[in-house]
N, C-alpha and C. Protein backbone atom coordinates (compact mmCIF):
# COMPACT_ATOMS: atom_id res chain seq x y z
N UNK A 1 -80.46 14.24 54.99
CA UNK A 1 -79.09 15.37 54.92
C UNK A 1 -78.94 14.95 53.40
N UNK A 2 -78.03 16.22 52.71
CA UNK A 2 -78.14 16.12 51.48
C UNK A 2 -76.70 15.92 50.66
N UNK A 3 -76.38 15.04 50.14
CA UNK A 3 -75.38 14.90 49.16
C UNK A 3 -74.65 14.80 48.32
N UNK A 4 -73.64 15.66 47.95
CA UNK A 4 -73.08 16.47 47.10
C UNK A 4 -72.93 15.22 46.23
N UNK A 5 -72.83 15.67 44.52
CA UNK A 5 -72.90 14.60 43.81
C UNK A 5 -71.39 15.25 42.87
N UNK A 6 -70.25 14.15 42.81
CA UNK A 6 -69.61 14.83 41.79
C UNK A 6 -69.84 15.22 40.53
N UNK A 7 -69.30 16.41 39.72
CA UNK A 7 -69.02 16.60 38.37
C UNK A 7 -69.08 15.81 38.21
N UNK A 8 -69.29 15.37 36.16
CA UNK A 8 -68.93 14.95 35.39
C UNK A 8 -67.78 14.05 34.82
N UNK A 9 -67.12 15.85 34.44
CA UNK A 9 -65.73 15.50 33.77
C UNK A 9 -64.35 16.15 34.82
N UNK A 10 -63.41 16.07 34.22
CA UNK A 10 -62.30 16.81 35.04
C UNK A 10 -62.25 18.17 34.37
N UNK A 11 -63.03 18.83 33.28
CA UNK A 11 -63.33 20.57 33.33
C UNK A 11 -64.29 20.78 34.35
N UNK A 12 -65.33 20.31 34.88
CA UNK A 12 -66.06 20.78 35.65
C UNK A 12 -65.51 20.48 37.27
N UNK A 13 -65.11 19.80 37.44
CA UNK A 13 -63.96 19.05 38.74
C UNK A 13 -63.32 20.73 39.15
N UNK A 14 -61.91 20.91 38.14
CA UNK A 14 -61.41 21.84 38.19
C UNK A 14 -61.89 22.86 38.06
N UNK A 15 -62.97 23.47 37.44
CA UNK A 15 -63.77 24.75 37.59
C UNK A 15 -64.20 24.62 39.07
N UNK A 16 -64.78 24.10 39.41
CA UNK A 16 -65.44 23.83 40.73
C UNK A 16 -64.39 24.29 41.63
N UNK A 17 -63.48 23.25 42.07
CA UNK A 17 -62.73 23.52 42.52
C UNK A 17 -61.71 25.26 42.75
N UNK A 18 -61.84 25.55 41.61
CA UNK A 18 -61.08 26.84 41.37
C UNK A 18 -61.92 27.97 41.87
N UNK A 19 -63.49 27.58 41.65
CA UNK A 19 -64.28 28.62 41.80
C UNK A 19 -64.49 28.94 43.16
N UNK A 20 -63.93 27.79 44.17
CA UNK A 20 -63.90 27.29 45.71
C UNK A 20 -62.35 27.89 46.50
N UNK A 21 -61.51 28.43 45.24
CA UNK A 21 -60.23 29.07 46.06
C UNK A 21 -58.91 28.43 45.91
N UNK A 22 -59.14 27.30 45.14
CA UNK A 22 -58.14 25.87 45.43
C UNK A 22 -56.89 26.65 43.50
N UNK A 23 -55.76 26.21 43.74
CA UNK A 23 -55.28 26.59 42.59
C UNK A 23 -55.30 25.32 42.32
N UNK A 24 -55.29 24.68 40.93
CA UNK A 24 -55.51 23.49 40.33
C UNK A 24 -54.75 23.39 39.31
N UNK A 25 -53.88 21.88 39.86
CA UNK A 25 -53.00 22.02 38.43
C UNK A 25 -53.02 20.20 37.99
N UNK A 26 -52.26 19.84 36.93
CA UNK A 26 -52.98 18.22 36.73
C UNK A 26 -51.25 18.22 36.18
N UNK A 27 -51.10 16.51 36.43
CA UNK A 27 -49.45 16.61 35.29
C UNK A 27 -49.03 14.86 35.13
N UNK A 28 -48.68 14.29 34.41
CA UNK A 28 -48.75 13.37 34.30
C UNK A 28 -47.33 13.21 34.56
N UNK A 29 -47.61 11.28 35.56
CA UNK A 29 -46.34 11.13 35.89
C UNK A 29 -46.72 9.50 35.83
N UNK A 30 -45.24 8.35 36.15
CA UNK A 30 -45.15 7.36 35.95
C UNK A 30 -45.09 6.90 37.47
N UNK A 31 -45.95 5.83 37.99
CA UNK A 31 -46.23 5.46 39.48
C UNK A 31 -45.39 3.81 39.62
N UNK A 32 -44.56 3.84 40.25
CA UNK A 32 -43.38 1.98 40.18
C UNK A 32 -43.98 1.99 41.22
N UNK A 33 -44.14 0.61 42.15
CA UNK A 33 -45.14 -0.21 43.46
C UNK A 33 -43.97 -1.09 42.93
N UNK A 34 -44.01 -1.80 44.35
CA UNK A 34 -43.29 -2.66 44.89
C UNK A 34 -43.92 -3.76 46.09
N UNK A 35 -44.04 -4.79 45.98
CA UNK A 35 -45.06 -5.73 47.10
C UNK A 35 -44.09 -7.08 47.05
N UNK A 36 -43.91 -6.68 49.01
CA UNK A 36 -43.20 -7.90 49.51
C UNK A 36 -44.02 -8.57 51.06
N UNK A 37 -44.58 -9.39 51.00
CA UNK A 37 -44.67 -10.01 52.28
C UNK A 37 -45.52 -9.23 52.65
N UNK A 38 -46.66 -8.65 52.17
CA UNK A 38 -47.55 -7.78 52.93
C UNK A 38 -46.97 -6.20 52.95
N UNK A 39 -45.66 -6.10 52.69
CA UNK A 39 -45.02 -4.84 52.70
C UNK A 39 -45.40 -4.01 50.98
N UNK A 40 -46.30 -2.51 51.44
CA UNK A 40 -46.11 -2.40 49.69
C UNK A 40 -45.53 -0.93 49.52
N UNK A 41 -44.61 -0.60 48.72
CA UNK A 41 -44.34 0.90 48.27
C UNK A 41 -44.37 1.39 47.44
N UNK A 42 -44.53 2.59 47.08
CA UNK A 42 -44.82 3.07 45.76
C UNK A 42 -44.19 3.90 45.64
N UNK A 43 -43.45 5.12 44.66
CA UNK A 43 -42.71 5.52 43.89
C UNK A 43 -43.41 6.33 42.44
N UNK A 44 -43.88 8.37 42.70
CA UNK A 44 -44.25 7.95 41.32
C UNK A 44 -42.89 9.32 41.08
N UNK A 45 -43.07 9.60 39.49
CA UNK A 45 -41.88 10.89 38.93
C UNK A 45 -42.12 10.52 37.01
N UNK A 46 -41.54 12.04 36.90
CA UNK A 46 -41.85 11.82 36.10
C UNK A 46 -41.44 11.38 34.54
N UNK A 47 -40.21 10.18 34.88
CA UNK A 47 -40.07 9.52 33.62
C UNK A 47 -40.32 8.04 34.62
N UNK A 48 -39.90 7.13 33.65
CA UNK A 48 -40.31 5.95 34.55
C UNK A 48 -38.94 5.33 35.39
N UNK A 49 -37.31 6.33 34.58
CA UNK A 49 -36.62 6.13 35.50
C UNK A 49 -36.35 6.84 36.79
N UNK A 50 -37.22 7.78 36.46
CA UNK A 50 -37.21 8.68 38.36
C UNK A 50 -38.56 7.77 39.26
N UNK A 51 -39.06 7.40 38.67
CA UNK A 51 -39.60 6.59 39.89
C UNK A 51 -39.06 5.43 39.97
N UNK A 52 -38.51 4.88 39.30
CA UNK A 52 -37.70 4.14 39.51
C UNK A 52 -36.79 4.15 40.44
N UNK A 53 -35.79 5.03 39.86
CA UNK A 53 -35.06 5.25 41.05
C UNK A 53 -35.56 5.81 42.44
N UNK A 54 -36.60 6.58 42.50
CA UNK A 54 -37.25 6.98 43.98
C UNK A 54 -37.75 5.41 44.61
N UNK A 55 -38.40 4.52 43.94
CA UNK A 55 -38.85 3.23 44.26
C UNK A 55 -37.44 2.79 44.61
N UNK A 56 -36.20 2.46 44.13
CA UNK A 56 -35.20 1.77 44.62
C UNK A 56 -34.96 2.67 45.86
N UNK A 57 -34.66 3.37 46.22
CA UNK A 57 -34.31 4.22 47.57
C UNK A 57 -35.58 4.04 48.83
N UNK A 58 -36.77 3.70 48.39
CA UNK A 58 -37.65 3.46 49.59
C UNK A 58 -37.34 1.89 49.69
N UNK A 59 -37.31 1.10 48.70
CA UNK A 59 -36.74 -0.39 49.33
C UNK A 59 -35.32 -0.73 50.03
N UNK A 60 -34.51 -0.07 49.44
CA UNK A 60 -33.24 0.15 50.48
C UNK A 60 -33.74 0.67 51.97
N UNK A 61 -34.52 1.29 52.18
CA UNK A 61 -35.36 1.71 53.71
C UNK A 61 -35.36 0.61 54.55
N UNK A 62 -35.95 -0.15 53.13
CA UNK A 62 -36.49 -1.62 54.23
C UNK A 62 -35.76 -2.51 54.54
N UNK A 63 -34.26 -2.43 53.78
CA UNK A 63 -33.30 -3.82 54.12
C UNK A 63 -31.83 -2.78 54.83
N UNK A 64 -31.72 -4.09 55.73
CA UNK A 64 -30.91 -4.10 56.46
C UNK A 64 -29.58 -4.71 56.39
N UNK A 65 -28.44 -4.24 56.24
CA UNK A 65 -26.87 -4.89 55.94
C UNK A 65 -27.26 -5.93 54.64
N UNK A 66 -28.36 -6.17 53.49
CA UNK A 66 -28.72 -7.13 53.05
C UNK A 66 -29.61 -8.09 53.20
N UNK A 67 -29.91 -7.82 54.13
CA UNK A 67 -30.95 -8.56 54.63
C UNK A 67 -32.62 -7.75 54.54
N UNK A 68 -33.67 -8.57 53.62
CA UNK A 68 -34.84 -8.16 53.90
C UNK A 68 -35.23 -8.10 55.18
């Protein structure tokens, strides 16, 4: 059974995917991450502030009445 080797550059990957019918785009984002006692929350945003605002919302979902 042959396995397909991944192309070497992002340009080759993009061309391959577009050839296969995918619409491809890439953008830079910030990744914010919080960890506590085995729990991990991750959020992305177009700015650092946006990523941390989303991370704040996600961590609030794990807090009930001020208790972790």
